[in-house]
Amino acid sequence: MSDPLKYAVVERERRYLLARLPDGVTSTKEIVDRYVTGTRLRLREVRERDGAVIRKLGHKVRLTEGPDEIACTNFYLDDEEWAVLVALPARTLRKRRHMVARDGWLVAIDEHEDGTLVAEIDDRDEPSDRIPDWLDVVRDVTRDEAWTGGRLAR
């Protein structure tokens, strides 16, 4: 059997609930995630400020027991492929993603429909516990299943 993760990219992300959105937002986009029922698949539609739309199908495989290390494979979809796949039963999560570039950090902050802010820090290949001092952190939710996209989707 071939390696099922051959084309995957490993994500090592830490997540934090925030009290407020920090200064330094460089871009904002609208995201709608559809978690396909009974699978590890996610359909994502990203709308940029300039009106550009990106649609993709993602497959996520956990590499550890918790949600903090995941192998992700993405396929970009055209309109016809999107139309077929978006008809699948799924739970939906809508959010606004703000990118903050400041002091050498790049942090994605998801603003959910209820106003909740969740920061994601990608550790890449070097796990860390450092947090920028300008993030107003309320709580670390990195390993809390309730704060994964699949659990937040309705």
C-alpha atoms as a PDB file:
ATOM      1  CA  MET A   1       0.000   0.000   0.000  1.00  0.00           C
ATOM      2  CA  SER A   2       1.295   3.474  -0.852  1.00  0.00           C
ATOM      3  CA  ASP A   3       1.814   6.181   1.774  1.00  0.00           C
ATOM      4  CA  PRO A   4      -1.630   7.784   2.393  1.00  0.00           C
ATOM      5  CA  LEU A   5       0.061  10.995   3.585  1.00  0.00           C
ATOM      6  CA  LYS A   6       2.488  11.278   0.661  1.00  0.00           C
ATOM      7  CA  TYR A   7       1.108  14.628  -0.544  1.00  0.00           C
ATOM      8  CA  ALA A   8       0.014  16.012   2.821  1.00  0.00           C
ATOM      9  CA  VAL A   9       1.385  19.063   4.600  1.00  0.00           C
ATOM     10  CA  VAL A  10       1.748  18.773   8.369  1.00  0.00           C
ATOM     11  CA  GLU A  11       0.164  21.595  10.382  1.00  0.00           C
ATOM     12  CA  ARG A  12       1.256  22.219  13.953  1.00  0.00           C
ATOM     13  CA  GLU A  13      -1.009  24.950  15.218  1.00  0.00           C
ATOM     14  CA  ARG A  14      -1.669  26.460  18.596  1.00  0.00           C
ATOM     15  CA  ARG A  15      -5.028  28.164  19.214  1.00  0.00           C
ATOM     16  CA  TYR A  16      -5.919  30.873  21.718  1.00  0.00           C
ATOM     17  CA  LEU A  17      -9.145  32.631  22.627  1.00  0.00           C
ATOM     18  CA  LEU A  18      -8.597  36.391  22.516  1.00  0.00           C
ATOM     19  CA  ALA A  19     -10.232  39.295  24.324  1.00  0.00           C
ATOM     20  CA  ARG A  20      -9.794  41.648  21.358  1.00  0.00           C
ATOM     21  CA  LEU A  21      -8.463  41.907  17.835  1.00  0.00           C
ATOM     22  CA  PRO A  22      -4.917  43.322  17.954  1.00  0.00           C
ATOM     23  CA  ASP A  23      -3.569  46.153  15.828  1.00  0.00           C
ATOM     24  CA  GLY A  24      -1.708  45.192  12.669  1.00  0.00           C
ATOM     25  CA  VAL A  25      -4.375  43.478  10.541  1.00  0.00           C
ATOM     26  CA  THR A  26      -2.940  43.243   7.022  1.00  0.00           C
ATOM     27  CA  SER A  27      -5.795  41.401   5.306  1.00  0.00           C
ATOM     28  CA  THR A  28      -9.257  40.015   5.989  1.00  0.00           C
ATOM     29  CA  LYS A  29     -11.193  37.348   4.120  1.00  0.00           C
ATOM     30  CA  GLU A  30     -14.543  35.602   4.516  1.00  0.00           C
ATOM     31  CA  ILE A  31     -14.430  31.821   4.933  1.00  0.00           C
ATOM     32  CA  VAL A  32     -17.211  29.246   4.786  1.00  0.00           C
ATOM     33  CA  ASP A  33     -16.197  25.723   5.798  1.00  0.00           C
ATOM     34  CA  ARG A  34     -18.438  22.726   5.133  1.00  0.00           C
ATOM     35  CA  TYR A  35     -17.459  19.609   7.111  1.00  0.00           C
ATOM     36  CA  VAL A  36     -18.813  16.702   5.055  1.00  0.00           C
ATOM     37  CA  THR A  37     -20.890  14.407   7.260  1.00  0.00           C
ATOM     38  CA  GLY A  38     -19.261  11.093   8.175  1.00  0.00           C
ATOM     39  CA  THR A  39     -15.857  11.955   6.660  1.00  0.00           C
ATOM     40  CA  ARG A  40     -12.576  13.770   7.357  1.00  0.00           C
ATOM     41  CA  LEU A  41     -13.302  16.040   4.390  1.00  0.00           C
ATOM     42  CA  ARG A  42     -13.826  19.786   4.433  1.00  0.00           C
ATOM     43  CA  LEU A  43     -15.018  22.019   1.614  1.00  0.00           C
ATOM     44  CA  ARG A  44     -13.710  25.565   2.003  1.00  0.00           C
ATOM     45  CA  GLU A  45     -14.787  28.684   0.163  1.00  0.00           C
ATOM     46  CA  VAL A  46     -12.612  31.765   0.674  1.00  0.00           C
ATOM     47  CA  ARG A  47     -13.756  35.203  -0.463  1.00  0.00           C
ATOM     48  CA  GLU A  48     -11.043  37.829  -0.680  1.00  0.00           C
ATOM     49  CA  ARG A  49     -11.728  41.560  -0.234  1.00  0.00           C
ATOM     50  CA  ASP A  50     -11.257  42.105  -3.994  1.00  0.00           C
ATOM     51  CA  GLY A  51     -14.052  39.601  -4.757  1.00  0.00           C
ATOM     52  CA  ALA A  52     -11.807  36.682  -5.761  1.00  0.00           C
ATOM     53  CA  VAL A  53     -13.164  33.297  -4.687  1.00  0.00           C
ATOM     54  CA  ILE A  54     -11.042  30.232  -3.939  1.00  0.00           C
ATOM     55  CA  ARG A  55     -12.680  26.848  -3.398  1.00  0.00           C
ATOM     56  CA  LYS A  56     -10.953  23.716  -2.198  1.00  0.00           C
ATOM     57  CA  LEU A  57     -11.492  20.249  -0.837  1.00  0.00           C
ATOM     58  CA  GLY A  58      -9.386  19.339   2.177  1.00  0.00           C
ATOM     59  CA  HIS A  59      -8.635  16.004   3.805  1.00  0.00           C
ATOM     60  CA  LYS A  60      -7.358  16.046   7.389  1.00  0.00           C
ATOM     61  CA  VAL A  61      -5.656  13.196   9.238  1.00  0.00           C
ATOM     62  CA  ARG A  62      -4.638  13.539  12.877  1.00  0.00           C
ATOM     63  CA  LEU A  63      -1.065  12.556  13.628  1.00  0.00           C
ATOM     64  CA  THR A  64      -1.539  12.634  17.412  1.00  0.00           C
ATOM     65  CA  GLU A  65      -4.497  12.040  19.716  1.00  0.00           C
ATOM     66  CA  GLY A  66      -5.212  15.766  19.979  1.00  0.00           C
ATOM     67  CA  PRO A  67      -6.054  18.351  17.329  1.00  0.00           C
ATOM     68  CA  ASP A  68      -2.671  20.127  17.427  1.00  0.00           C
ATOM     69  CA  GLU A  69      -0.822  18.107  14.754  1.00  0.00           C
ATOM     70  CA  ILE A  70      -2.667  17.316  11.530  1.00  0.00           C
ATOM     71  CA  ALA A  71      -1.683  16.185   8.035  1.00  0.00           C
ATOM     72  CA  CYS A  72      -3.660  18.164   5.453  1.00  0.00           C
ATOM     73  CA  THR A  73      -4.082  17.564   1.745  1.00  0.00           C
ATOM     74  CA  ASN A  74      -5.922  20.159  -0.367  1.00  0.00           C
ATOM     75  CA  PHE A  75      -7.331  20.086  -3.889  1.00  0.00           C
ATOM     76  CA  TYR A  76      -8.401  23.296  -5.610  1.00  0.00           C
ATOM     77  CA  LEU A  77     -11.814  23.036  -7.262  1.00  0.00           C
ATOM     78  CA  ASP A  78     -13.375  24.657 -10.304  1.00  0.00           C
ATOM     79  CA  ASP A  79     -17.031  25.742 -10.372  1.00  0.00           C
ATOM     80  CA  GLU A  80     -18.323  22.430 -11.732  1.00  0.00           C
ATOM     81  CA  GLU A  81     -16.469  20.341  -9.142  1.00  0.00           C
ATOM     82  CA  TRP A  82     -17.642  22.688  -6.377  1.00  0.00           C
ATOM     83  CA  ALA A  83     -21.278  22.381  -7.508  1.00  0.00           C
ATOM     84  CA  VAL A  84     -21.130  18.588  -7.260  1.00  0.00           C
ATOM     85  CA  LEU A  85     -19.390  18.431  -3.874  1.00  0.00           C
ATOM     86  CA  VAL A  86     -21.267  21.260  -2.131  1.00  0.00           C
ATOM     87  CA  ALA A  87     -24.463  19.171  -2.470  1.00  0.00           C
ATOM     88  CA  LEU A  88     -23.072  16.628   0.031  1.00  0.00           C
ATOM     89  CA  PRO A  89     -24.557  16.758   3.557  1.00  0.00           C
ATOM     90  CA  ALA A  90     -22.354  18.843   5.825  1.00  0.00           C
ATOM     91  CA  ARG A  91     -22.115  21.029   8.913  1.00  0.00           C
ATOM     92  CA  THR A  92     -21.162  24.660   8.212  1.00  0.00           C
ATOM     93  CA  LEU A  93     -18.853  27.144   9.912  1.00  0.00           C
ATOM     94  CA  ARG A  94     -18.700  30.785   8.817  1.00  0.00           C
ATOM     95  CA  LYS A  95     -15.919  33.091   9.949  1.00  0.00           C
ATOM     96  CA  ARG A  96     -13.892  36.139   9.050  1.00  0.00           C
ATOM     97  CA  ARG A  97     -10.123  35.531   9.026  1.00  0.00           C
ATOM     98  CA  HIS A  98      -7.867  38.448   9.900  1.00  0.00           C
ATOM     99  CA  MET A  99      -4.143  38.133   9.222  1.00  0.00           C
ATOM    100  CA  VAL A 100      -1.926  40.082  11.609  1.00  0.00           C
ATOM    101  CA  ALA A 101       1.707  40.694  10.664  1.00  0.00           C
ATOM    102  CA  ARG A 102       3.588  42.332  13.494  1.00  0.00           C
ATOM    103  CA  ASP A 103       7.036  42.154  15.099  1.00  0.00           C
ATOM    104  CA  GLY A 104       8.073  39.194  12.952  1.00  0.00           C
ATOM    105  CA  TRP A 105       4.914  37.209  13.729  1.00  0.00           C
ATOM    106  CA  LEU A 106       2.175  36.174  11.306  1.00  0.00           C
ATOM    107  CA  VAL A 107      -0.986  35.226  13.203  1.00  0.00           C
ATOM    108  CA  ALA A 108      -4.358  34.182  11.747  1.00  0.00           C
ATOM    109  CA  ILE A 109      -7.288  35.350  13.877  1.00  0.00           C
ATOM    110  CA  ASP A 110     -10.704  33.882  13.149  1.00  0.00           C
ATOM    111  CA  GLU A 111     -13.681  36.033  14.087  1.00  0.00           C
ATOM    112  CA  HIS A 112     -16.720  33.789  14.442  1.00  0.00           C
ATOM    113  CA  GLU A 113     -20.316  34.868  13.851  1.00  0.00           C
ATOM    114  CA  ASP A 114     -20.872  35.371  17.595  1.00  0.00           C
ATOM    115  CA  GLY A 115     -17.817  37.669  17.801  1.00  0.00           C
ATOM    116  CA  THR A 116     -15.519  35.091  19.423  1.00  0.00           C
ATOM    117  CA  LEU A 117     -11.883  35.525  18.382  1.00  0.00           C
ATOM    118  CA  VAL A 118      -9.558  32.530  18.007  1.00  0.00           C
ATOM    119  CA  ALA A 119      -5.895  33.090  17.124  1.00  0.00           C
ATOM    120  CA  GLU A 120      -3.919  30.401  15.320  1.00  0.00           C
ATOM    121  CA  ILE A 121      -0.147  30.303  15.491  1.00  0.00           C
ATOM    122  CA  ASP A 122       1.515  27.877  13.082  1.00  0.00           C
ATOM    123  CA  ASP A 123       4.641  26.377  14.650  1.00  0.00           C
ATOM    124  CA  ARG A 124       5.734  24.709  11.401  1.00  0.00           C
ATOM    125  CA  ASP A 125       8.607  22.341  12.219  1.00  0.00           C
ATOM    126  CA  GLU A 126       9.659  23.971  15.491  1.00  0.00           C
ATOM    127  CA  PRO A 127       7.167  23.510  18.332  1.00  0.00           C
ATOM    128  CA  SER A 128       7.103  26.480  20.662  1.00  0.00           C
ATOM    129  CA  ASP A 129       5.158  27.920  23.552  1.00  0.00           C
ATOM    130  CA  ARG A 130       6.012  31.537  22.750  1.00  0.00           C
ATOM    131  CA  ILE A 131       3.133  33.963  22.286  1.00  0.00           C
ATOM    132  CA  PRO A 132       3.416  37.534  21.006  1.00  0.00           C
ATOM    133  CA  ASP A 133       3.009  39.940  23.926  1.00  0.00           C
ATOM    134  CA  TRP A 134       0.491  41.983  21.910  1.00  0.00           C
ATOM    135  CA  LEU A 135      -2.035  39.100  21.807  1.00  0.00           C
ATOM    136  CA  ASP A 136      -4.620  39.605  24.555  1.00  0.00           C
ATOM    137  CA  VAL A 137      -4.975  35.876  25.345  1.00  0.00           C
ATOM    138  CA  VAL A 138      -7.923  34.736  27.450  1.00  0.00           C
ATOM    139  CA  ARG A 139      -7.194  31.002  27.267  1.00  0.00           C
ATOM    140  CA  ASP A 140      -5.129  28.379  25.431  1.00  0.00           C
ATOM    141  CA  VAL A 141      -7.549  26.094  23.533  1.00  0.00           C
ATOM    142  CA  THR A 142      -4.973  24.221  21.443  1.00  0.00           C
ATOM    143  CA  ARG A 143      -5.952  20.772  22.698  1.00  0.00           C
ATOM    144  CA  ASP A 144      -9.609  21.563  23.416  1.00  0.00           C
ATOM    145  CA  GLU A 145     -11.792  19.612  20.961  1.00  0.00           C
ATOM    146  CA  ALA A 146     -14.634  22.095  21.426  1.00  0.00           C
ATOM    147  CA  TRP A 147     -12.566  24.747  19.586  1.00  0.00           C
ATOM    148  CA  THR A 148     -11.798  22.701  16.450  1.00  0.00           C
ATOM    149  CA  GLY A 149     -13.530  23.729  13.247  1.00  0.00           C
ATOM    150  CA  GLY A 150     -15.360  20.428  12.999  1.00  0.00           C
ATOM    151  CA  ARG A 151     -16.856  20.895  16.471  1.00  0.00           C
ATOM    152  CA  LEU A 152     -17.774  24.561  15.941  1.00  0.00           C
ATOM    153  CA  ALA A 153     -19.616  23.805  12.681  1.00  0.00           C
ATOM    154  CA  ARG A 154     -23.414  23.605  12.822  1.00  0.00           C
END
